[in-house]
C-alpha atoms as a PDB file:
ATOM      1  CA  UNK A   1     185.836  32.209 169.350  1.00  0.00           C
ATOM      2  CA  UNK A   2     183.237  29.190 170.015  1.00  0.00           C
ATOM      3  CA  UNK A   3     180.211  31.419 169.541  1.00  0.00           C
ATOM      4  CA  UNK A   4     181.364  32.879 165.996  1.00  0.00           C
ATOM      5  CA  UNK A   5     182.056  29.023 165.070  1.00  0.00           C
ATOM      6  CA  UNK A   6     178.897  28.318 166.086  1.00  0.00           C
ATOM      7  CA  UNK A   7     177.141  31.063 164.342  1.00  0.00           C
ATOM      8  CA  UNK A   8     179.006  30.027 160.977  1.00  0.00           C
ATOM      9  CA  UNK A   9     177.652  26.342 161.630  1.00  0.00           C
ATOM     10  CA  UNK A  10     174.112  27.356 162.107  1.00  0.00           C
ATOM     11  CA  UNK A  11     174.011  29.749 158.894  1.00  0.00           C
ATOM     12  CA  UNK A  12     175.707  26.870 156.989  1.00  0.00           C
ATOM     13  CA  UNK A  13     172.952  24.055 158.301  1.00  0.00           C
ATOM     14  CA  UNK A  14     170.521  25.154 160.741  1.00  0.00           C
ATOM     15  CA  UNK A  15     169.540  21.351 160.932  1.00  0.00           C
ATOM     16  CA  UNK A  16     172.845  20.766 162.329  1.00  0.00           C
ATOM     17  CA  UNK A  17     172.765  21.148 166.474  1.00  0.00           C
ATOM     18  CA  UNK A  18     176.145  22.570 168.056  1.00  0.00           C
ATOM     19  CA  UNK A  19     177.919  21.398 170.987  1.00  0.00           C
ATOM     20  CA  UNK A  20     181.236  21.792 172.972  1.00  0.00           C
ATOM     21  CA  UNK A  21     181.524  20.207 176.016  1.00  0.00           C
ATOM     22  CA  UNK A  22     180.781  22.572 179.073  1.00  0.00           C
ATOM     23  CA  UNK A  23     179.508  20.812 181.945  1.00  0.00           C
ATOM     24  CA  UNK A  24     179.837  16.672 181.298  1.00  0.00           C
ATOM     25  CA  UNK A  25     181.920  14.549 178.788  1.00  0.00           C
ATOM     26  CA  UNK A  26     180.832  14.792 174.881  1.00  0.00           C
ATOM     27  CA  UNK A  27     180.710  10.673 174.998  1.00  0.00           C
ATOM     28  CA  UNK A  28     177.915  11.096 177.697  1.00  0.00           C
ATOM     29  CA  UNK A  29     176.006  14.003 175.811  1.00  0.00           C
ATOM     30  CA  UNK A  30     175.887  12.307 172.699  1.00  0.00           C
ATOM     31  CA  UNK A  31     173.842   9.510 173.977  1.00  0.00           C
ATOM     32  CA  UNK A  32     170.986  12.230 174.775  1.00  0.00           C
ATOM     33  CA  UNK A  33     171.026  13.314 170.793  1.00  0.00           C
ATOM     34  CA  UNK A  34     168.578  11.771 168.996  1.00  0.00           C
ATOM     35  CA  UNK A  35     169.688   9.115 166.521  1.00  0.00           C
ATOM     36  CA  UNK A  36     168.058  11.213 163.319  1.00  0.00           C
ATOM     37  CA  UNK A  37     169.876  14.616 164.596  1.00  0.00           C
ATOM     38  CA  UNK A  38     172.821  15.439 162.954  1.00  0.00           C
ATOM     39  CA  UNK A  39     175.334  17.618 165.252  1.00  0.00           C
ATOM     40  CA  UNK A  40     178.591  19.586 164.859  1.00  0.00           C
ATOM     41  CA  UNK A  41     180.728  19.416 167.915  1.00  0.00           C
ATOM     42  CA  UNK A  42     183.540  21.876 168.421  1.00  0.00           C
ATOM     43  CA  UNK A  43     186.733  20.881 169.984  1.00  0.00           C
ATOM     44  CA  UNK A  44     187.952  23.046 173.056  1.00  0.00           C
ATOM     45  CA  UNK A  45     190.769  24.637 171.459  1.00  0.00           C
ATOM     46  CA  UNK A  46     194.011  23.412 172.936  1.00  0.00           C
ATOM     47  CA  UNK A  47     197.113  25.333 170.953  1.00  0.00           C
ATOM     48  CA  UNK A  48     197.676  28.358 169.106  1.00  0.00           C
ATOM     49  CA  UNK A  49     199.734  31.472 168.684  1.00  0.00           C
ATOM     50  CA  UNK A  50     199.598  35.388 169.169  1.00  0.00           C
ATOM     51  CA  UNK A  51     201.188  37.595 166.591  1.00  0.00           C
ATOM     52  CA  UNK A  52     200.761  40.966 164.408  1.00  0.00           C
ATOM     53  CA  UNK A  53     198.926  41.344 161.070  1.00  0.00           C
ATOM     54  CA  UNK A  54     200.126  45.031 160.176  1.00  0.00           C
ATOM     55  CA  UNK A  55     198.779  47.128 163.083  1.00  0.00           C
ATOM     56  CA  UNK A  56     196.447  44.347 164.495  1.00  0.00           C
ATOM     57  CA  UNK A  57     196.698  41.745 167.184  1.00  0.00           C
ATOM     58  CA  UNK A  58     196.187  38.412 165.949  1.00  0.00           C
ATOM     59  CA  UNK A  59     195.116  35.369 167.808  1.00  0.00           C
ATOM     60  CA  UNK A  60     195.464  32.031 165.822  1.00  0.00           C
ATOM     61  CA  UNK A  61     194.120  28.688 167.196  1.00  0.00           C
ATOM     62  CA  UNK A  62     194.039  25.558 165.616  1.00  0.00           C
ATOM     63  CA  UNK A  63     190.077  24.545 165.494  1.00  0.00           C
ATOM     64  CA  UNK A  64     188.719  21.216 165.115  1.00  0.00           C
ATOM     65  CA  UNK A  65     185.111  20.692 164.028  1.00  0.00           C
ATOM     66  CA  UNK A  66     183.531  17.303 163.984  1.00  0.00           C
ATOM     67  CA  UNK A  67     180.728  16.995 161.838  1.00  0.00           C
ATOM     68  CA  UNK A  68     178.662  13.737 162.872  1.00  0.00           C
ATOM     69  CA  UNK A  69     175.869  11.567 161.622  1.00  0.00           C
ATOM     70  CA  UNK A  70     174.322   8.336 163.253  1.00  0.00           C
ATOM     71  CA  UNK A  71     174.667   5.209 161.270  1.00  0.00           C
ATOM     72  CA  UNK A  72     173.020   1.853 161.358  1.00  0.00           C
ATOM     73  CA  UNK A  73     175.221  -0.755 163.928  1.00  0.00           C
ATOM     74  CA  UNK A  74     177.648  -2.592 161.794  1.00  0.00           C
ATOM     75  CA  UNK A  75     177.368  -0.567 158.733  1.00  0.00           C
ATOM     76  CA  UNK A  76     179.805  -1.238 155.699  1.00  0.00           C
ATOM     77  CA  UNK A  77     182.520   0.759 154.610  1.00  0.00           C
ATOM     78  CA  UNK A  78     180.033   1.789 151.514  1.00  0.00           C
ATOM     79  CA  UNK A  79     177.321   2.708 153.972  1.00  0.00           C
ATOM     80  CA  UNK A  80     179.674   4.909 156.093  1.00  0.00           C
ATOM     81  CA  UNK A  81     181.485   6.623 152.899  1.00  0.00           C
ATOM     82  CA  UNK A  82     177.742   7.189 151.507  1.00  0.00           C
ATOM     83  CA  UNK A  83     176.896   8.927 155.222  1.00  0.00           C
ATOM     84  CA  UNK A  84     180.534  10.829 154.765  1.00  0.00           C
ATOM     85  CA  UNK A  85     179.345  12.095 151.402  1.00  0.00           C
ATOM     86  CA  UNK A  86     176.320  13.236 152.707  1.00  0.00           C
ATOM     87  CA  UNK A  87     177.785  15.115 155.646  1.00  0.00           C
ATOM     88  CA  UNK A  88     180.463  16.812 153.228  1.00  0.00           C
ATOM     89  CA  UNK A  89     177.395  18.036 150.714  1.00  0.00           C
ATOM     90  CA  UNK A  90     175.043  19.133 153.668  1.00  0.00           C
ATOM     91  CA  UNK A  91     177.792  20.860 156.167  1.00  0.00           C
ATOM     92  CA  UNK A  92     181.310  20.724 155.671  1.00  0.00           C
ATOM     93  CA  UNK A  93     181.344  22.820 152.206  1.00  0.00           C
ATOM     94  CA  UNK A  94     178.741  25.180 153.155  1.00  0.00           C
ATOM     95  CA  UNK A  95     180.712  25.770 156.083  1.00  0.00           C
ATOM     96  CA  UNK A  96     183.572  26.492 154.492  1.00  0.00           C
ATOM     97  CA  UNK A  97     181.693  28.838 151.795  1.00  0.00           C
ATOM     98  CA  UNK A  98     179.784  30.784 155.214  1.00  0.00           C
ATOM     99  CA  UNK A  99     183.372  30.613 156.775  1.00  0.00           C
ATOM    100  CA  UNK A 100     184.654  32.969 153.798  1.00  0.00           C
ATOM    101  CA  UNK A 101     181.804  35.370 154.154  1.00  0.00           C
ATOM    102  CA  UNK A 102     183.198  35.984 157.839  1.00  0.00           C
ATOM    103  CA  UNK A 103     184.428  39.819 158.538  1.00  0.00           C
ATOM    104  CA  UNK A 104     187.716  39.819 160.294  1.00  0.00           C
ATOM    105  CA  UNK A 105     188.612  36.384 159.773  1.00  0.00           C
ATOM    106  CA  UNK A 106     191.554  35.139 157.676  1.00  0.00           C
ATOM    107  CA  UNK A 107     190.906  32.381 154.973  1.00  0.00           C
ATOM    108  CA  UNK A 108     193.083  29.204 156.328  1.00  0.00           C
ATOM    109  CA  UNK A 109     195.552  28.181 153.433  1.00  0.00           C
ATOM    110  CA  UNK A 110     194.150  24.424 153.648  1.00  0.00           C
ATOM    111  CA  UNK A 111     191.382  22.798 155.024  1.00  0.00           C
ATOM    112  CA  UNK A 112     192.228  19.230 156.774  1.00  0.00           C
ATOM    113  CA  UNK A 113     189.968  16.653 157.192  1.00  0.00           C
ATOM    114  CA  UNK A 114     190.088  13.361 158.680  1.00  0.00           C
ATOM    115  CA  UNK A 115     187.678  10.433 158.764  1.00  0.00           C
ATOM    116  CA  UNK A 116     188.210   8.805 162.175  1.00  0.00           C
ATOM    117  CA  UNK A 117     186.599   5.469 163.703  1.00  0.00           C
ATOM    118  CA  UNK A 118     183.913   6.599 165.917  1.00  0.00           C
ATOM    119  CA  UNK A 119     184.579   8.683 169.168  1.00  0.00           C
ATOM    120  CA  UNK A 120     181.290   9.539 170.494  1.00  0.00           C
ATOM    121  CA  UNK A 121     179.149   6.660 170.098  1.00  0.00           C
ATOM    122  CA  UNK A 122     179.589   3.161 168.610  1.00  0.00           C
ATOM    123  CA  UNK A 123     177.279   4.241 165.503  1.00  0.00           C
ATOM    124  CA  UNK A 124     178.832   7.410 164.631  1.00  0.00           C
ATOM    125  CA  UNK A 125     180.333   8.319 161.114  1.00  0.00           C
ATOM    126  CA  UNK A 126     181.871  12.000 161.233  1.00  0.00           C
ATOM    127  CA  UNK A 127     184.173  14.106 159.267  1.00  0.00           C
ATOM    128  CA  UNK A 128     186.801  16.073 161.482  1.00  0.00           C
ATOM    129  CA  UNK A 129     187.599  19.604 159.823  1.00  0.00           C
ATOM    130  CA  UNK A 130     191.112  20.960 161.067  1.00  0.00           C
ATOM    131  CA  UNK A 131     191.934  24.393 160.236  1.00  0.00           C
ATOM    132  CA  UNK A 132     194.046  27.572 161.943  1.00  0.00           C
ATOM    133  CA  UNK A 133     191.168  29.663 163.271  1.00  0.00           C
ATOM    134  CA  UNK A 134     192.586  33.516 162.801  1.00  0.00           C
ATOM    135  CA  UNK A 135     191.070  36.556 164.287  1.00  0.00           C
ATOM    136  CA  UNK A 136     192.108  39.981 164.341  1.00  0.00           C
ATOM    137  CA  UNK A 137     191.943  41.731 167.701  1.00  0.00           C
ATOM    138  CA  UNK A 138     192.319  45.783 167.875  1.00  0.00           C
END
């Protein structure tokens, strides 16, 4: 499932580096990302459900993807809002469009988003997109 999400993100905007925690903690990995490099972080799946869709097995996980850019230290709420508008235009909306094109995936009924305080770095600004990632299994 991680690979499919990574492919969708890369199609939506190849400028975004895709990260997910494997060997080291993300807040340590964020220190190695260039200041000008936007990145997406796919949160490790922590809950979901198995079900049936007609004759197929269905797996659903609650996906959380953080789309991030770095900003200046001590930036204002207006500056962070402008960065979030940029993130929304360059990756969030294109990601949702690319997701719709992906075969075998059900479209989320809702796409929830959050604009949390910095999580990985003190000068990070982000939009966290949360949705049900449903995949059919034969």
